[in-house]
């Protein structure tokens, strides 16, 4: 599925791909940027976390969580708020 996600640093809209994927027996999502880079996330303790060793900005993870919950784009965070 395509996710409109706000870049927390710039406020620009990113169009990320989220594919359900099981990794090490745990269900989550493989998130891919248009350039092909990506990371895997899962929900632990009520928050989405990058689980494959890739460094991911905390606010970007929050914005992905908001997009996955189908909340309006305007509810996503920017760093200067």
Protein backbone atom coordinates (compact mmCIF):
# COMPACT_ATOMS: atom_id res chain seq x y z
CA UNK A 1 0.00 0.00 0.00
CA UNK A 2 1.13 3.55 -0.67
CA UNK A 3 1.44 5.78 2.40
CA UNK A 4 1.57 9.58 2.28
CA UNK A 5 4.03 10.37 5.09
CA UNK A 6 5.28 13.80 6.13
CA UNK A 7 9.05 14.21 6.29
CA UNK A 8 9.36 15.55 9.84
CA UNK A 9 12.46 17.60 8.97
CA UNK A 10 11.00 19.47 5.98
CA UNK A 11 7.23 18.96 6.10
CA UNK A 12 7.35 17.59 2.53
CA UNK A 13 5.11 14.68 1.60
CA UNK A 14 6.87 11.37 0.99
CA UNK A 15 5.07 8.54 -0.75
CA UNK A 16 6.31 5.37 0.95
CA UNK A 17 5.35 1.79 0.20
CA UNK A 18 4.28 -0.39 3.15
CA UNK A 19 4.09 -4.15 2.58
CA UNK A 20 3.01 -6.54 5.34
CA UNK A 21 5.91 -8.87 6.08
CA UNK A 22 6.86 -11.44 8.68
CA UNK A 23 10.45 -11.16 9.92
CA UNK A 24 11.92 -13.54 12.50
CA UNK A 25 8.41 -14.82 13.19
CA UNK A 26 6.97 -11.39 13.93
CA UNK A 27 4.42 -9.56 11.77
CA UNK A 28 5.21 -6.01 10.68
CA UNK A 29 5.72 -3.89 7.58
CA UNK A 30 8.57 -3.45 5.13
CA UNK A 31 8.72 0.30 4.44
CA UNK A 32 10.33 1.37 1.16
CA UNK A 33 11.29 4.82 -0.08
CA UNK A 34 10.86 5.59 -3.80
CA UNK A 35 14.67 5.24 -4.20
CA UNK A 36 14.44 1.59 -3.05
CA UNK A 37 15.97 1.96 0.41
CA UNK A 38 13.89 0.73 3.28
CA UNK A 39 13.49 -0.77 6.72
CA UNK A 40 11.22 -3.15 8.62
CA UNK A 41 8.94 -2.01 11.46
CA UNK A 42 6.74 -3.74 14.01
CA UNK A 43 4.50 -2.58 16.84
CA UNK A 44 5.96 -3.22 20.29
CA UNK A 45 4.57 -1.83 23.51
CA UNK A 46 2.03 0.22 21.55
CA UNK A 47 4.53 2.02 19.30
CA UNK A 48 6.06 1.21 15.92
CA UNK A 49 9.81 0.57 15.99
CA UNK A 50 12.45 -0.15 13.37
CA UNK A 51 13.60 -3.68 14.11
CA UNK A 52 16.20 -4.52 11.46
CA UNK A 53 19.05 -2.33 12.71
CA UNK A 54 18.32 0.57 10.36
CA UNK A 55 18.41 3.98 12.07
CA UNK A 56 15.03 5.68 11.64
CA UNK A 57 14.00 9.09 12.97
CA UNK A 58 11.51 8.75 15.85
CA UNK A 59 9.17 11.41 14.38
CA UNK A 60 9.20 9.62 11.01
CA UNK A 61 8.11 6.41 12.76
CA UNK A 62 5.31 8.34 14.47
CA UNK A 63 4.22 9.75 11.09
CA UNK A 64 4.23 6.25 9.57
CA UNK A 65 2.10 5.05 12.49
CA UNK A 66 -0.36 7.91 11.90
CA UNK A 67 -0.51 7.08 8.17
CA UNK A 68 -1.03 3.36 8.85
CA UNK A 69 -3.96 4.28 11.12
CA UNK A 70 -5.47 6.27 8.19
CA UNK A 71 -5.46 9.56 10.10
CA UNK A 72 -5.33 12.81 8.07
CA UNK A 73 -1.94 13.89 6.73
CA UNK A 74 -2.24 17.21 8.63
CA UNK A 75 -2.01 15.29 11.93
CA UNK A 76 1.54 14.16 11.17
CA UNK A 77 4.49 15.83 12.90
CA UNK A 78 7.13 18.24 11.71
CA UNK A 79 10.26 18.93 13.76
CA UNK A 80 9.60 22.67 14.00
CA UNK A 81 6.19 22.23 15.69
